PDB file of N, CA and C in Angstrom:
ATOM      1  N   MET A   1       0.808  -1.273  -0.466  1.00  0.00           N
ATOM      2  CA  MET A   1      -0.156  -0.034  -0.038  1.00  0.00           C
ATOM      3  C   MET A   1       1.236   1.067   0.091  1.00  0.00           C
ATOM      4  N   LYS A   2       0.368   2.466  -0.526  1.00  0.00           N
ATOM      5  CA  LYS A   2       1.503   3.090  -1.233  1.00  0.00           C
ATOM      6  C   LYS A   2       0.409   4.412  -0.160  1.00  0.00           C
ATOM      7  N   PHE A   3       0.862   5.617   0.180  1.00  0.00           N
ATOM      8  CA  PHE A   3       0.335   6.862   0.731  1.00  0.00           C
ATOM      9  C   PHE A   3       1.217   7.911   0.420  1.00  0.00           C
ATOM     10  N   TYR A   4       0.340   8.624  -0.220  1.00  0.00           N
ATOM     11  CA  TYR A   4       0.786   9.974  -0.678  1.00  0.00           C
ATOM     12  C   TYR A   4       0.091  11.311  -0.153  1.00  0.00           C
ATOM     13  N   PRO A   5       0.592  12.488  -0.081  1.00  0.00           N
ATOM     14  CA  PRO A   5       0.189  13.578   0.706  1.00  0.00           C
ATOM     15  C   PRO A   5      -1.450  13.958  -0.439  1.00  0.00           C
ATOM     16  N   PRO A   6      -2.116  14.821  -0.144  1.00  0.00           N
ATOM     17  CA  PRO A   6      -3.486  14.715  -0.775  1.00  0.00           C
ATOM     18  C   PRO A   6      -3.072  16.196  -1.614  1.00  0.00           C
ATOM     19  N   PHE A   7      -1.531  16.682  -1.782  1.00  0.00           N
ATOM     20  CA  PHE A   7      -1.109  18.176  -2.096  1.00  0.00           C
ATOM     21  C   PHE A   7       0.171  17.881  -2.796  1.00  0.00           C
ATOM     22  N   ASP A   8       0.517  18.631  -3.430  1.00  0.00           N
ATOM     23  CA  ASP A   8       2.212  19.297  -3.875  1.00  0.00           C
ATOM     24  C   ASP A   8       2.541  19.239  -3.064  1.00  0.00           C
ATOM     25  N   TYR A   9       3.707  19.521  -3.077  1.00  0.00           N
ATOM     26  CA  TYR A   9       4.395  20.404  -1.825  1.00  0.00           C
ATOM     27  C   TYR A   9       5.891  20.260  -2.384  1.00  0.00           C
ATOM     28  N   GLN A  10       6.587  21.262  -1.772  1.00  0.00           N
ATOM     29  CA  GLN A  10       8.233  21.446  -2.188  1.00  0.00           C
ATOM     30  C   GLN A  10       9.035  21.426  -0.246  1.00  0.00           C
ATOM     31  N   LEU A  11      10.004  21.006  -0.152  1.00  0.00           N
ATOM     32  CA  LEU A  11      10.852  21.055   0.855  1.00  0.00           C
ATOM     33  C   LEU A  11      11.343  22.478   1.170  1.00  0.00           C
ATOM     34  N   VAL A  12      11.323  23.064   1.992  1.00  0.00           N
ATOM     35  CA  VAL A  12      11.914  24.625   1.835  1.00  0.00           C
ATOM     36  C   VAL A  12      13.002  24.315   3.250  1.00  0.00           C
ATOM     37  N   ASN A  13      13.723  25.205   3.452  1.00  0.00           N
ATOM     38  CA  ASN A  13      14.854  25.633   4.390  1.00  0.00           C
ATOM     39  C   ASN A  13      15.775  24.474   5.299  1.00  0.00           C
ATOM     40  N   ASN A  14      16.308  23.867   3.752  1.00  0.00           N
ATOM     41  CA  ASN A  14      17.444  22.170   4.130  1.00  0.00           C
ATOM     42  C   ASN A  14      16.008  21.332   4.747  1.00  0.00           C
ATOM     43  N   GLY A  15      15.136  21.405   4.073  1.00  0.00           N
ATOM     44  CA  GLY A  15      13.963  20.474   4.361  1.00  0.00           C
ATOM     45  C   GLY A  15      13.283  20.374   6.011  1.00  0.00           C
ATOM     46  N   SER A  16      13.260  21.457   6.334  1.00  0.00           N
ATOM     47  CA  SER A  16      12.892  21.169   7.427  1.00  0.00           C
ATOM     48  C   SER A  16      11.467  21.894   7.599  1.00  0.00           C
ATOM     49  N   LYS A  17      10.438  22.159   6.195  1.00  0.00           N
ATOM     50  CA  LYS A  17       9.416  22.849   6.196  1.00  0.00           C
ATOM     51  C   LYS A  17       9.457  22.333   5.005  1.00  0.00           C
ATOM     52  N   VAL A  18       7.503  22.163   4.925  1.00  0.00           N
ATOM     53  CA  VAL A  18       6.698  21.909   3.483  1.00  0.00           C
ATOM     54  C   VAL A  18       5.925  23.073   3.513  1.00  0.00           C
ATOM     55  N   VAL A  19       6.326  23.402   2.330  1.00  0.00           N
ATOM     56  CA  VAL A  19       5.368  24.411   1.488  1.00  0.00           C
ATOM     57  C   VAL A  19       4.338  23.803   0.636  1.00  0.00           C
ATOM     58  N   VAL A  20       2.826  23.791   0.960  1.00  0.00           N
ATOM     59  CA  VAL A  20       1.987  23.250  -0.284  1.00  0.00           C
ATOM     60  C   VAL A  20       1.802  23.973  -1.246  1.00  0.00           C
ATOM     61  N   THR A  21       2.021  23.456  -2.203  1.00  0.00           N
ATOM     62  CA  THR A  21       2.168  24.537  -3.733  1.00  0.00           C
ATOM     63  C   THR A  21       0.820  23.928  -4.683  1.00  0.00           C
ATOM     64  N   LYS A  22       0.376  23.145  -4.678  1.00  0.00           N
ATOM     65  CA  LYS A  22      -1.059  22.753  -5.104  1.00  0.00           C
ATOM     66  C   LYS A  22      -1.706  21.806  -4.549  1.00  0.00           C
ATOM     67  N   ILE A  23      -2.996  21.953  -4.514  1.00  0.00           N
ATOM     68  CA  ILE A  23      -4.219  21.196  -3.831  1.00  0.00           C
ATOM     69  C   ILE A  23      -4.688  19.721  -5.016  1.00  0.00           C
ATOM     70  N   ILE A  24      -4.574  18.817  -4.525  1.00  0.00           N
ATOM     71  CA  ILE A  24      -4.394  17.605  -5.377  1.00  0.00           C
ATOM     72  C   ILE A  24      -5.598  16.872  -5.142  1.00  0.00           C
ATOM     73  N   ILE A  25      -6.120  16.754  -4.172  1.00  0.00           N
ATOM     74  CA  ILE A  25      -7.769  15.884  -3.556  1.00  0.00           C
ATOM     75  C   ILE A  25      -8.039  17.204  -2.677  1.00  0.00           C
ATOM     76  N   PRO A  26      -8.988  17.962  -3.286  1.00  0.00           N
ATOM     77  CA  PRO A  26      -9.873  19.038  -2.607  1.00  0.00           C
ATOM     78  C   PRO A  26     -10.583  18.753  -1.282  1.00  0.00           C
ATOM     79  N   GLU A  27     -11.118  17.467  -1.272  1.00  0.00           N
ATOM     80  CA  GLU A  27     -12.101  17.081  -0.659  1.00  0.00           C
ATOM     81  C   GLU A  27     -11.090  16.651   1.183  1.00  0.00           C
ATOM     82  N   LEU A  28      -9.962  15.989   1.023  1.00  0.00           N
ATOM     83  CA  LEU A  28      -8.933  15.841   2.325  1.00  0.00           C
ATOM     84  C   LEU A  28      -8.361  16.831   2.594  1.00  0.00           C
ATOM     85  N   CYS A  29      -8.026  17.946   1.847  1.00  0.00           N
ATOM     86  CA  CYS A  29      -7.532  18.972   2.229  1.00  0.00           C
ATOM     87  C   CYS A  29      -8.637  20.097   2.913  1.00  0.00           C
ATOM     88  N   LYS A  30      -9.737  19.918   2.193  1.00  0.00           N
ATOM     89  CA  LYS A  30     -10.236  20.894   3.158  1.00  0.00           C
ATOM     90  C   LYS A  30     -10.976  20.201   4.751  1.00  0.00           C
ATOM     91  N   GLN A  31     -10.900  19.081   4.662  1.00  0.00           N
ATOM     92  CA  GLN A  31     -11.599  17.938   5.936  1.00  0.00           C
ATOM     93  C   GLN A  31     -10.138  18.361   6.738  1.00  0.00           C
ATOM     94  N   ALA A  32      -8.461  18.694   6.323  1.00  0.00           N
ATOM     95  CA  ALA A  32      -7.549  18.709   7.288  1.00  0.00           C
ATOM     96  C   ALA A  32      -7.305  20.439   7.230  1.00  0.00           C
ATOM     97  N   ASP A  33      -8.052  21.133   6.750  1.00  0.00           N
ATOM     98  CA  ASP A  33      -7.732  22.974   6.645  1.00  0.00           C
ATOM     99  C   ASP A  33      -6.563  22.902   6.201  1.00  0.00           C
ATOM    100  N   ILE A  34      -6.067  22.565   4.867  1.00  0.00           N
ATOM    101  CA  ILE A  34      -4.993  22.567   4.587  1.00  0.00           C
ATOM    102  C   ILE A  34      -5.052  23.346   2.965  1.00  0.00           C
ATOM    103  N   LYS A  35      -4.334  24.459   2.880  1.00  0.00           N
ATOM    104  CA  LYS A  35      -4.424  25.054   1.698  1.00  0.00           C
ATOM    105  C   LYS A  35      -3.277  25.184   1.250  1.00  0.00           C
ATOM    106  N   GLN A  36      -3.584  25.917  -0.273  1.00  0.00           N
ATOM    107  CA  GLN A  36      -2.490  25.903  -1.428  1.00  0.00           C
ATOM    108  C   GLN A  36      -1.510  27.344  -0.346  1.00  0.00           C
ATOM    109  N   GLY A  37      -0.168  26.918  -0.107  1.00  0.00           N
ATOM    110  CA  GLY A  37       0.298  28.172   0.322  1.00  0.00           C
ATOM    111  C   GLY A  37       1.014  27.892   1.995  1.00  0.00           C
ATOM    112  N   ASP A  38       0.157  26.609   2.640  1.00  0.00           N
ATOM    113  CA  ASP A  38       0.355  26.631   3.722  1.00  0.00           C
ATOM    114  C   ASP A  38       1.945  26.364   4.248  1.00  0.00           C
ATOM    115  N   VAL A  39       2.401  26.673   4.815  1.00  0.00           N
ATOM    116  CA  VAL A  39       3.800  26.020   5.438  1.00  0.00           C
ATOM    117  C   VAL A  39       3.884  24.639   6.910  1.00  0.00           C
ATOM    118  N   ILE A  40       4.173  23.802   6.752  1.00  0.00           N
ATOM    119  CA  ILE A  40       3.879  22.668   7.289  1.00  0.00           C
ATOM    120  C   ILE A  40       5.306  22.820   8.279  1.00  0.00           C
ATOM    121  N   THR A  41       5.616  22.414   9.630  1.00  0.00           N
ATOM    122  CA  THR A  41       6.637  22.388  10.216  1.00  0.00           C
ATOM    123  C   THR A  41       6.487  21.074  11.047  1.00  0.00           C
ATOM    124  N   HIS A  42       5.612  20.595  11.184  1.00  0.00           N
ATOM    125  CA  HIS A  42       5.162  19.239  12.082  1.00  0.00           C
ATOM    126  C   HIS A  42       4.342  18.199  11.354  1.00  0.00           C
ATOM    127  N   VAL A  43       4.379  17.215  11.610  1.00  0.00           N
ATOM    128  CA  VAL A  43       3.139  16.440  11.365  1.00  0.00           C
ATOM    129  C   VAL A  43       3.179  15.109  12.558  1.00  0.00           C
ATOM    130  N   ASN A  44       1.971  14.772  13.182  1.00  0.00           N
ATOM    131  CA  ASN A  44       2.114  14.433  14.208  1.00  0.00           C
ATOM    132  C   ASN A  44       2.948  14.621  15.421  1.00  0.00           C
ATOM    133  N   ASN A  45       3.299  15.858  15.383  1.00  0.00           N
ATOM    134  CA  ASN A  45       4.280  16.273  16.608  1.00  0.00           C
ATOM    135  C   ASN A  45       5.627  16.057  16.136  1.00  0.00           C
ATOM    136  N   LYS A  46       5.771  15.493  15.199  1.00  0.00           N
ATOM    137  CA  LYS A  46       7.188  15.430  14.782  1.00  0.00           C
ATOM    138  C   LYS A  46       7.611  16.328  13.784  1.00  0.00           C
ATOM    139  N   THR A  47       9.200  17.329  13.686  1.00  0.00           N
ATOM    140  CA  THR A  47       9.512  18.060  12.800  1.00  0.00           C
ATOM    141  C   THR A  47       9.606  17.557  11.851  1.00  0.00           C
ATOM    142  N   ILE A  48       9.360  18.483  10.586  1.00  0.00           N
ATOM    143  CA  ILE A  48       9.476  17.682   8.983  1.00  0.00           C
ATOM    144  C   ILE A  48      11.012  16.961   9.080  1.00  0.00           C
ATOM    145  N   SER A  49      12.045  17.607   9.331  1.00  0.00           N
ATOM    146  CA  SER A  49      13.221  17.501   9.251  1.00  0.00           C
ATOM    147  C   SER A  49      13.467  15.794   9.775  1.00  0.00           C
ATOM    148  N   LYS A  50      12.435  15.511  11.190  1.00  0.00           N
ATOM    149  CA  LYS A  50      12.637  14.102  11.659  1.00  0.00           C
ATOM    150  C   LYS A  50      11.477  13.217  10.857  1.00  0.00           C
ATOM    151  N   ARG A  51      10.519  13.650  10.264  1.00  0.00           N
ATOM    152  CA  ARG A  51       9.698  12.756   8.951  1.00  0.00           C
ATOM    153  C   ARG A  51      10.718  12.483   8.145  1.00  0.00           C
ATOM    154  N   VAL A  52      11.548  13.293   7.531  1.00  0.00           N
ATOM    155  CA  VAL A  52      12.384  13.043   6.245  1.00  0.00           C
ATOM    156  C   VAL A  52      13.743  12.008   6.519  1.00  0.00           C
ATOM    157  N   ASP A  53      13.957  12.415   7.986  1.00  0.00           N
ATOM    158  CA  ASP A  53      15.011  11.182   8.086  1.00  0.00           C
ATOM    159  C   ASP A  53      14.417  10.029   8.223  1.00  0.00           C
ATOM    160  N   LEU A  54      13.177   9.458   8.386  1.00  0.00           N
ATOM    161  CA  LEU A  54      12.322   8.578   8.867  1.00  0.00           C
ATOM    162  C   LEU A  54      12.048   7.983   7.991  1.00  0.00           C
ATOM    163  N   ILE A  55      11.720   8.925   6.794  1.00  0.00           N
ATOM    164  CA  ILE A  55      11.437   8.444   5.222  1.00  0.00           C
ATOM    165  C   ILE A  55      12.641   7.802   4.489  1.00  0.00           C
ATOM    166  N   GLY A  56      13.530   8.280   4.789  1.00  0.00           N
ATOM    167  CA  GLY A  56      14.739   8.480   4.368  1.00  0.00           C
ATOM    168  C   GLY A  56      15.161   6.645   4.879  1.00  0.00           C
ATOM    169  N   GLU A  57      15.033   5.965   5.657  1.00  0.00           N
ATOM    170  CA  GLU A  57      15.320   4.733   5.855  1.00  0.00           C
ATOM    171  C   GLU A  57      14.542   3.743   5.139  1.00  0.00           C
ATOM    172  N   TYR A  58      13.606   4.297   4.332  1.00  0.00           N
ATOM    173  CA  TYR A  58      12.855   3.575   3.683  1.00  0.00           C
ATOM    174  C   TYR A  58      13.107   3.969   1.844  1.00  0.00           C
ATOM    175  N   LEU A  59      13.579   4.923   1.386  1.00  0.00           N
ATOM    176  CA  LEU A  59      13.923   5.379   0.157  1.00  0.00           C
ATOM    177  C   LEU A  59      14.926   5.543  -0.237  1.00  0.00           C
ATOM    178  N   SER A  60      15.311   5.006  -1.797  1.00  0.00           N
ATOM    179  CA  SER A  60      16.359   5.205  -1.848  1.00  0.00           C
ATOM    180  C   SER A  60      16.895   6.486  -2.459  1.00  0.00           C
ATOM    181  N   ALA A  61      17.648   6.935  -2.090  1.00  0.00           N
ATOM    182  CA  ALA A  61      18.539   8.107  -2.673  1.00  0.00           C
ATOM    183  C   ALA A  61      19.951   7.940  -2.481  1.00  0.00           C
ATOM    184  N   SER A  62      20.607   9.189  -3.837  1.00  0.00           N
ATOM    185  CA  SER A  62      22.011   8.705  -3.697  1.00  0.00           C
ATOM    186  C   SER A  62      22.797   9.689  -2.656  1.00  0.00           C
ATOM    187  N   ASN A  63      21.702  10.633  -1.895  1.00  0.00           N
ATOM    188  CA  ASN A  63      22.382  11.384  -1.118  1.00  0.00           C
ATOM    189  C   ASN A  63      21.331  12.248  -0.654  1.00  0.00           C
ATOM    190  N   PRO A  64      21.277  12.697   1.113  1.00  0.00           N
ATOM    191  CA  PRO A  64      20.402  13.445   1.628  1.00  0.00           C
ATOM    192  C   PRO A  64      19.641  14.597   0.464  1.00  0.00           C
ATOM    193  N   ASN A  65      20.386  15.414   0.019  1.00  0.00           N
ATOM    194  CA  ASN A  65      20.014  16.435  -0.983  1.00  0.00           C
ATOM    195  C   ASN A  65      18.843  16.100  -1.641  1.00  0.00           C
ATOM    196  N   ARG A  66      19.594  14.693  -2.340  1.00  0.00           N
ATOM    197  CA  ARG A  66      18.145  14.275  -3.128  1.00  0.00           C
ATOM    198  C   ARG A  66      17.231  13.280  -2.520  1.00  0.00           C
ATOM    199  N   LEU A  67      17.377  13.149  -1.398  1.00  0.00           N
ATOM    200  CA  LEU A  67      15.779  12.528  -1.041  1.00  0.00           C
ATOM    201  C   LEU A  67      15.054  14.068  -0.331  1.00  0.00           C
ATOM    202  N   ILE A  68      15.903  14.806  -0.389  1.00  0.00           N
ATOM    203  CA  ILE A  68      14.742  16.159  -0.187  1.00  0.00           C
ATOM    204  C   ILE A  68      14.007  16.724  -1.401  1.00  0.00           C
ATOM    205  N   LEU A  69      14.724  16.385  -2.341  1.00  0.00           N
ATOM    206  CA  LEU A  69      13.808  16.476  -3.618  1.00  0.00           C
ATOM    207  C   LEU A  69      12.884  15.337  -4.098  1.00  0.00           C
ATOM    208  N   VAL A  70      12.811  14.208  -3.514  1.00  0.00           N
ATOM    209  CA  VAL A  70      12.126  12.812  -3.775  1.00  0.00           C
ATOM    210  C   VAL A  70      10.609  13.615  -3.730  1.00  0.00           C
TER     211      VAL A  70
END
């Protein structure tokens, strides 16, 4: 099973923040009160940097900078 966010995003500030760049599934974003342009700094009380580190254990990337672009 794969899970993707209901929006497009860009990691900024060396991967410490997520900026919502486009809403893909409006219904889910509306339920979560997520709008284009929002800046997300935490998910489930974990910083974005910690989440990137966690996800990095499961994704293949040639280096940490490439992982942030995934």
